[in-house]
Amino acid sequence: MKRIGLASMFCLVILGCVTTITTRTVSQSVAESIDTKRFLDAVSYVLTENGFDIKLLNESYGLVNTDWRPVKSGADTAATILSAFSTSQSMTVYSRSMMVQVMLTENGYSLTPKLRRTSRSTSMLGGSSENVEYPLPESAEGQLAVKIVQEINRELGLLNNYRWEEKTLQVGQEY
């Protein structure tokens, strides 16, 4: 992973490569402001009920970050099983984990899910790779994000006025 990260950084800094990153966030708008303590209590409750451990809670900024939580994928399990039955001596194990960031904003709050895909090889050379992305709304992780927003809204007594926002960033582009 470190080699891949260093190579990417080298490409971006030295060669001026352009990389596109697409972020996806669920935003909930509200008519009137939300009390920060009440908001953080509701978010903490909903996240822990959904199996997430709170990693950071900042009352000054109205911010909650979770730790990475494993999520299940039939595709990852199938790829691991196929790898185990391959003719080579090595096996690759695939896994996925998700983290969530919830932040109080001027007009409501936002929830940003991140998905980390990891593969680890048991070959003599070893090796692992890691890819972090923002899940699509229709994915299982995107649906979990919506479920969390709906539960937070229920705890706060809010109507479900959420929407997905997508932003595309060009990293390494000269202006």
C-alpha atoms as a PDB file:
ATOM      1  CA  MET A   1       0.000   0.000   0.000  1.00  0.00           C
ATOM      2  CA  LYS A   2       2.750   2.406   0.928  1.00  0.00           C
ATOM      3  CA  ARG A   3       4.460   1.748  -2.399  1.00  0.00           C
ATOM      4  CA  ILE A   4       1.249   2.428  -4.296  1.00  0.00           C
ATOM      5  CA  GLY A   5       0.591   5.591  -2.288  1.00  0.00           C
ATOM      6  CA  LEU A   6       4.124   6.863  -2.820  1.00  0.00           C
ATOM      7  CA  ALA A   7       3.947   6.104  -6.532  1.00  0.00           C
ATOM      8  CA  SER A   8       0.646   7.964  -6.818  1.00  0.00           C
ATOM      9  CA  MET A   9       2.018  10.926  -4.881  1.00  0.00           C
ATOM     10  CA  PHE A  10       5.124  10.957  -7.091  1.00  0.00           C
ATOM     11  CA  CYS A  11       2.931  10.977 -10.194  1.00  0.00           C
ATOM     12  CA  LEU A  12       0.753  13.792  -8.891  1.00  0.00           C
ATOM     13  CA  VAL A  13       3.564  15.997  -7.625  1.00  0.00           C
ATOM     14  CA  ILE A  14       6.366  15.423 -10.116  1.00  0.00           C
ATOM     15  CA  LEU A  15       4.563  14.608 -13.322  1.00  0.00           C
ATOM     16  CA  GLY A  16       1.508  16.792 -12.800  1.00  0.00           C
ATOM     17  CA  CYS A  17      -0.938  13.949 -13.392  1.00  0.00           C
ATOM     18  CA  VAL A  18      -4.609  14.711 -13.026  1.00  0.00           C
ATOM     19  CA  THR A  19      -6.739  12.387 -10.914  1.00  0.00           C
ATOM     20  CA  THR A  20     -10.496  12.631 -10.578  1.00  0.00           C
ATOM     21  CA  ILE A  21     -12.087  11.958  -7.192  1.00  0.00           C
ATOM     22  CA  THR A  22     -15.863  11.771  -6.862  1.00  0.00           C
ATOM     23  CA  THR A  23     -17.269  12.346  -3.376  1.00  0.00           C
ATOM     24  CA  ARG A  24     -20.817  11.443  -2.420  1.00  0.00           C
ATOM     25  CA  THR A  25     -22.650  12.841   0.594  1.00  0.00           C
ATOM     26  CA  VAL A  26     -26.204  12.545   1.904  1.00  0.00           C
ATOM     27  CA  SER A  27     -27.452  15.987   2.976  1.00  0.00           C
ATOM     28  CA  GLN A  28     -30.487  16.583   5.175  1.00  0.00           C
ATOM     29  CA  SER A  29     -31.918  20.083   5.173  1.00  0.00           C
ATOM     30  CA  VAL A  30     -33.911  21.504   8.093  1.00  0.00           C
ATOM     31  CA  ALA A  31     -36.159  24.532   8.500  1.00  0.00           C
ATOM     32  CA  GLU A  32     -34.740  25.613  11.863  1.00  0.00           C
ATOM     33  CA  SER A  33     -31.404  25.062  13.574  1.00  0.00           C
ATOM     34  CA  ILE A  34     -30.662  21.866  15.476  1.00  0.00           C
ATOM     35  CA  ASP A  35     -29.306  21.902  19.037  1.00  0.00           C
ATOM     36  CA  THR A  36     -25.732  20.555  18.801  1.00  0.00           C
ATOM     37  CA  LYS A  37     -25.892  18.361  21.926  1.00  0.00           C
ATOM     38  CA  ARG A  38     -29.219  16.828  20.900  1.00  0.00           C
ATOM     39  CA  PHE A  39     -27.871  16.245  17.385  1.00  0.00           C
ATOM     40  CA  LEU A  40     -24.674  14.571  18.607  1.00  0.00           C
ATOM     41  CA  ASP A  41     -26.628  12.379  21.043  1.00  0.00           C
ATOM     42  CA  ALA A  42     -28.976  11.225  18.260  1.00  0.00           C
ATOM     43  CA  VAL A  43     -26.129  10.582  15.806  1.00  0.00           C
ATOM     44  CA  SER A  44     -24.068   8.685  18.408  1.00  0.00           C
ATOM     45  CA  TYR A  45     -27.053   6.533  19.342  1.00  0.00           C
ATOM     46  CA  VAL A  46     -27.955   5.683  15.726  1.00  0.00           C
ATOM     47  CA  LEU A  47     -24.375   4.933  14.687  1.00  0.00           C
ATOM     48  CA  THR A  48     -23.708   2.613  17.630  1.00  0.00           C
ATOM     49  CA  GLU A  49     -27.062   0.871  17.062  1.00  0.00           C
ATOM     50  CA  ASN A  50     -25.905   0.212  13.481  1.00  0.00           C
ATOM     51  CA  GLY A  51     -22.628  -1.343  14.632  1.00  0.00           C
ATOM     52  CA  PHE A  52     -20.260   1.611  14.253  1.00  0.00           C
ATOM     53  CA  ASP A  53     -17.749   2.602  16.926  1.00  0.00           C
ATOM     54  CA  ILE A  54     -17.351   6.342  17.476  1.00  0.00           C
ATOM     55  CA  LYS A  55     -13.767   7.380  16.792  1.00  0.00           C
ATOM     56  CA  LEU A  56     -14.138  11.168  17.114  1.00  0.00           C
ATOM     57  CA  LEU A  57     -16.873  13.369  18.514  1.00  0.00           C
ATOM     58  CA  ASN A  58     -16.294  17.119  18.402  1.00  0.00           C
ATOM     59  CA  GLU A  59     -19.029  19.197  20.007  1.00  0.00           C
ATOM     60  CA  SER A  60     -17.503  22.514  18.853  1.00  0.00           C
ATOM     61  CA  TYR A  61     -17.843  21.570  15.182  1.00  0.00           C
ATOM     62  CA  GLY A  62     -20.832  19.227  15.467  1.00  0.00           C
ATOM     63  CA  LEU A  63     -18.764  16.414  13.964  1.00  0.00           C
ATOM     64  CA  VAL A  64     -18.817  12.647  14.463  1.00  0.00           C
ATOM     65  CA  ASN A  65     -16.430  10.178  12.774  1.00  0.00           C
ATOM     66  CA  THR A  66     -16.676   6.425  13.131  1.00  0.00           C
ATOM     67  CA  ASP A  67     -14.035   3.752  12.989  1.00  0.00           C
ATOM     68  CA  TRP A  68     -13.990   1.350  10.023  1.00  0.00           C
ATOM     69  CA  ARG A  69     -16.654  -1.355  10.295  1.00  0.00           C
ATOM     70  CA  PRO A  70     -16.531  -4.551   8.204  1.00  0.00           C
ATOM     71  CA  VAL A  71     -19.326  -4.901   5.663  1.00  0.00           C
ATOM     72  CA  LYS A  72     -20.272  -8.077   3.832  1.00  0.00           C
ATOM     73  CA  SER A  73     -20.032  -8.584   0.115  1.00  0.00           C
ATOM     74  CA  GLY A  74     -20.939 -11.738  -1.756  1.00  0.00           C
ATOM     75  CA  ALA A  75     -18.596 -10.700  -4.550  1.00  0.00           C
ATOM     76  CA  ASP A  76     -15.641 -10.394  -2.161  1.00  0.00           C
ATOM     77  CA  THR A  77     -16.441 -13.767  -0.585  1.00  0.00           C
ATOM     78  CA  ALA A  78     -16.747 -15.419  -4.016  1.00  0.00           C
ATOM     79  CA  ALA A  79     -13.424 -13.912  -5.152  1.00  0.00           C
ATOM     80  CA  THR A  80     -11.721 -15.184  -1.970  1.00  0.00           C
ATOM     81  CA  ILE A  81     -13.148 -18.694  -2.472  1.00  0.00           C
ATOM     82  CA  LEU A  82     -12.097 -18.752  -6.130  1.00  0.00           C
ATOM     83  CA  SER A  83      -8.637 -17.589  -5.102  1.00  0.00           C
ATOM     84  CA  ALA A  84      -8.417 -20.420  -2.546  1.00  0.00           C
ATOM     85  CA  PHE A  85      -9.168 -23.017  -5.241  1.00  0.00           C
ATOM     86  CA  SER A  86      -6.776 -21.573  -7.815  1.00  0.00           C
ATOM     87  CA  THR A  87      -3.820 -23.639  -8.990  1.00  0.00           C
ATOM     88  CA  SER A  88      -1.224 -21.293  -7.504  1.00  0.00           C
ATOM     89  CA  GLN A  89       0.147 -21.671  -3.980  1.00  0.00           C
ATOM     90  CA  SER A  90      -1.108 -18.265  -2.904  1.00  0.00           C
ATOM     91  CA  MET A  91      -4.520 -17.062  -1.903  1.00  0.00           C
ATOM     92  CA  THR A  92      -5.935 -13.553  -1.890  1.00  0.00           C
ATOM     93  CA  VAL A  93      -8.438 -12.505   0.758  1.00  0.00           C
ATOM     94  CA  TYR A  94     -10.804  -9.679  -0.135  1.00  0.00           C
ATOM     95  CA  SER A  95     -12.638  -7.571   2.436  1.00  0.00           C
ATOM     96  CA  ARG A  96     -14.556  -4.325   2.701  1.00  0.00           C
ATOM     97  CA  SER A  97     -15.128  -1.892   5.518  1.00  0.00           C
ATOM     98  CA  MET A  98     -17.116   1.311   5.827  1.00  0.00           C
ATOM     99  CA  MET A  99     -16.798   4.450   7.928  1.00  0.00           C
ATOM    100  CA  VAL A 100     -19.196   7.340   8.324  1.00  0.00           C
ATOM    101  CA  GLN A 101     -18.696  11.042   9.005  1.00  0.00           C
ATOM    102  CA  VAL A 102     -21.688  13.101  10.153  1.00  0.00           C
ATOM    103  CA  MET A 103     -21.428  16.890  10.362  1.00  0.00           C
ATOM    104  CA  LEU A 104     -23.831  19.584  11.468  1.00  0.00           C
ATOM    105  CA  THR A 105     -24.144  22.321   8.812  1.00  0.00           C
ATOM    106  CA  GLU A 106     -25.834  25.725   8.650  1.00  0.00           C
ATOM    107  CA  ASN A 107     -28.940  24.333   6.950  1.00  0.00           C
ATOM    108  CA  GLY A 108     -29.041  20.807   8.446  1.00  0.00           C
ATOM    109  CA  TYR A 109     -26.451  18.074   8.452  1.00  0.00           C
ATOM    110  CA  SER A 110     -24.498  15.864   6.093  1.00  0.00           C
ATOM    111  CA  LEU A 111     -23.464  12.235   6.233  1.00  0.00           C
ATOM    112  CA  THR A 112     -20.467  11.054   4.208  1.00  0.00           C
ATOM    113  CA  PRO A 113     -19.920   7.297   3.886  1.00  0.00           C
ATOM    114  CA  LYS A 114     -16.532   5.939   2.771  1.00  0.00           C
ATOM    115  CA  LEU A 115     -15.905   2.397   1.577  1.00  0.00           C
ATOM    116  CA  ARG A 116     -12.479   0.743   1.891  1.00  0.00           C
ATOM    117  CA  ARG A 117     -11.757  -2.344  -0.232  1.00  0.00           C
ATOM    118  CA  THR A 118      -8.748  -4.396   0.782  1.00  0.00           C
ATOM    119  CA  SER A 119      -7.050  -7.406  -0.784  1.00  0.00           C
ATOM    120  CA  ARG A 120      -4.251  -9.334   0.898  1.00  0.00           C
ATOM    121  CA  SER A 121      -2.212 -12.027  -0.787  1.00  0.00           C
ATOM    122  CA  THR A 122      -0.642 -14.963   1.054  1.00  0.00           C
ATOM    123  CA  SER A 123       1.989 -15.518  -1.630  1.00  0.00           C
ATOM    124  CA  MET A 124       5.678 -15.610  -0.741  1.00  0.00           C
ATOM    125  CA  LEU A 125       6.009 -11.992  -1.820  1.00  0.00           C
ATOM    126  CA  GLY A 126       2.947 -11.076   0.178  1.00  0.00           C
ATOM    127  CA  GLY A 127       1.277  -7.878  -0.766  1.00  0.00           C
ATOM    128  CA  SER A 128      -1.848  -5.971  -0.147  1.00  0.00           C
ATOM    129  CA  SER A 129      -3.785  -3.209  -1.764  1.00  0.00           C
ATOM    130  CA  GLU A 130      -6.331  -0.807  -0.413  1.00  0.00           C
ATOM    131  CA  ASN A 131      -8.784   1.401  -2.237  1.00  0.00           C
ATOM    132  CA  VAL A 132     -11.020   3.998  -0.550  1.00  0.00           C
ATOM    133  CA  GLU A 133     -14.036   5.363  -2.416  1.00  0.00           C
ATOM    134  CA  TYR A 134     -17.409   6.968  -1.848  1.00  0.00           C
ATOM    135  CA  PRO A 135     -20.205   4.422  -2.386  1.00  0.00           C
ATOM    136  CA  LEU A 136     -22.992   4.927  -4.895  1.00  0.00           C
ATOM    137  CA  PRO A 137     -26.499   5.619  -3.532  1.00  0.00           C
ATOM    138  CA  GLU A 138     -27.838   2.325  -4.935  1.00  0.00           C
ATOM    139  CA  SER A 139     -25.054   0.198  -3.411  1.00  0.00           C
ATOM    140  CA  ALA A 140     -25.539  -1.712  -0.161  1.00  0.00           C
ATOM    141  CA  GLU A 141     -23.312   0.826   1.595  1.00  0.00           C
ATOM    142  CA  GLY A 142     -25.276   3.731   0.081  1.00  0.00           C
ATOM    143  CA  GLN A 143     -28.518   2.155   1.288  1.00  0.00           C
ATOM    144  CA  LEU A 144     -27.014   1.765   4.775  1.00  0.00           C
ATOM    145  CA  ALA A 145     -26.123   5.486   4.728  1.00  0.00           C
ATOM    146  CA  VAL A 146     -29.738   6.350   3.841  1.00  0.00           C
ATOM    147  CA  LYS A 147     -31.025   4.065   6.623  1.00  0.00           C
ATOM    148  CA  ILE A 148     -28.765   5.867   9.114  1.00  0.00           C
ATOM    149  CA  VAL A 149     -30.012   9.290   7.937  1.00  0.00           C
ATOM    150  CA  GLN A 150     -33.626   8.136   8.252  1.00  0.00           C
ATOM    151  CA  GLU A 151     -32.991   6.866  11.785  1.00  0.00           C
ATOM    152  CA  ILE A 152     -31.247  10.120  12.785  1.00  0.00           C
ATOM    153  CA  ASN A 153     -34.224  12.047  11.393  1.00  0.00           C
ATOM    154  CA  ARG A 154     -36.626   9.878  13.396  1.00  0.00           C
ATOM    155  CA  GLU A 155     -34.598  10.506  16.596  1.00  0.00           C
ATOM    156  CA  LEU A 156     -34.627  14.276  15.928  1.00  0.00           C
ATOM    157  CA  GLY A 157     -38.271  14.393  14.798  1.00  0.00           C
ATOM    158  CA  LEU A 158     -37.318  15.597  11.286  1.00  0.00           C
ATOM    159  CA  LEU A 159     -39.002  14.885   7.974  1.00  0.00           C
ATOM    160  CA  ASN A 160     -36.901  12.950   5.456  1.00  0.00           C
ATOM    161  CA  ASN A 161     -35.746  15.753   3.127  1.00  0.00           C
ATOM    162  CA  TYR A 162     -32.366  14.192   2.355  1.00  0.00           C
ATOM    163  CA  ARG A 163     -30.655  14.185  -1.025  1.00  0.00           C
ATOM    164  CA  TRP A 164     -27.445  12.754  -2.408  1.00  0.00           C
ATOM    165  CA  GLU A 165     -24.832  15.284  -3.492  1.00  0.00           C
ATOM    166  CA  GLU A 166     -21.958  14.373  -5.742  1.00  0.00           C
ATOM    167  CA  LYS A 167     -18.842  16.451  -6.258  1.00  0.00           C
ATOM    168  CA  THR A 168     -16.050  15.730  -8.679  1.00  0.00           C
ATOM    169  CA  LEU A 169     -12.617  17.070  -7.808  1.00  0.00           C
ATOM    170  CA  GLN A 170      -9.640  17.284 -10.129  1.00  0.00           C
ATOM    171  CA  VAL A 171      -6.484  16.625  -8.092  1.00  0.00           C
ATOM    172  CA  GLY A 172      -3.217  17.706  -9.662  1.00  0.00           C
ATOM    173  CA  GLN A 173      -4.790  20.029 -12.227  1.00  0.00           C
ATOM    174  CA  GLU A 174      -3.024  23.313 -12.860  1.00  0.00           C
ATOM    175  CA  TYR A 175      -5.150  26.455 -12.735  1.00  0.00           C
END
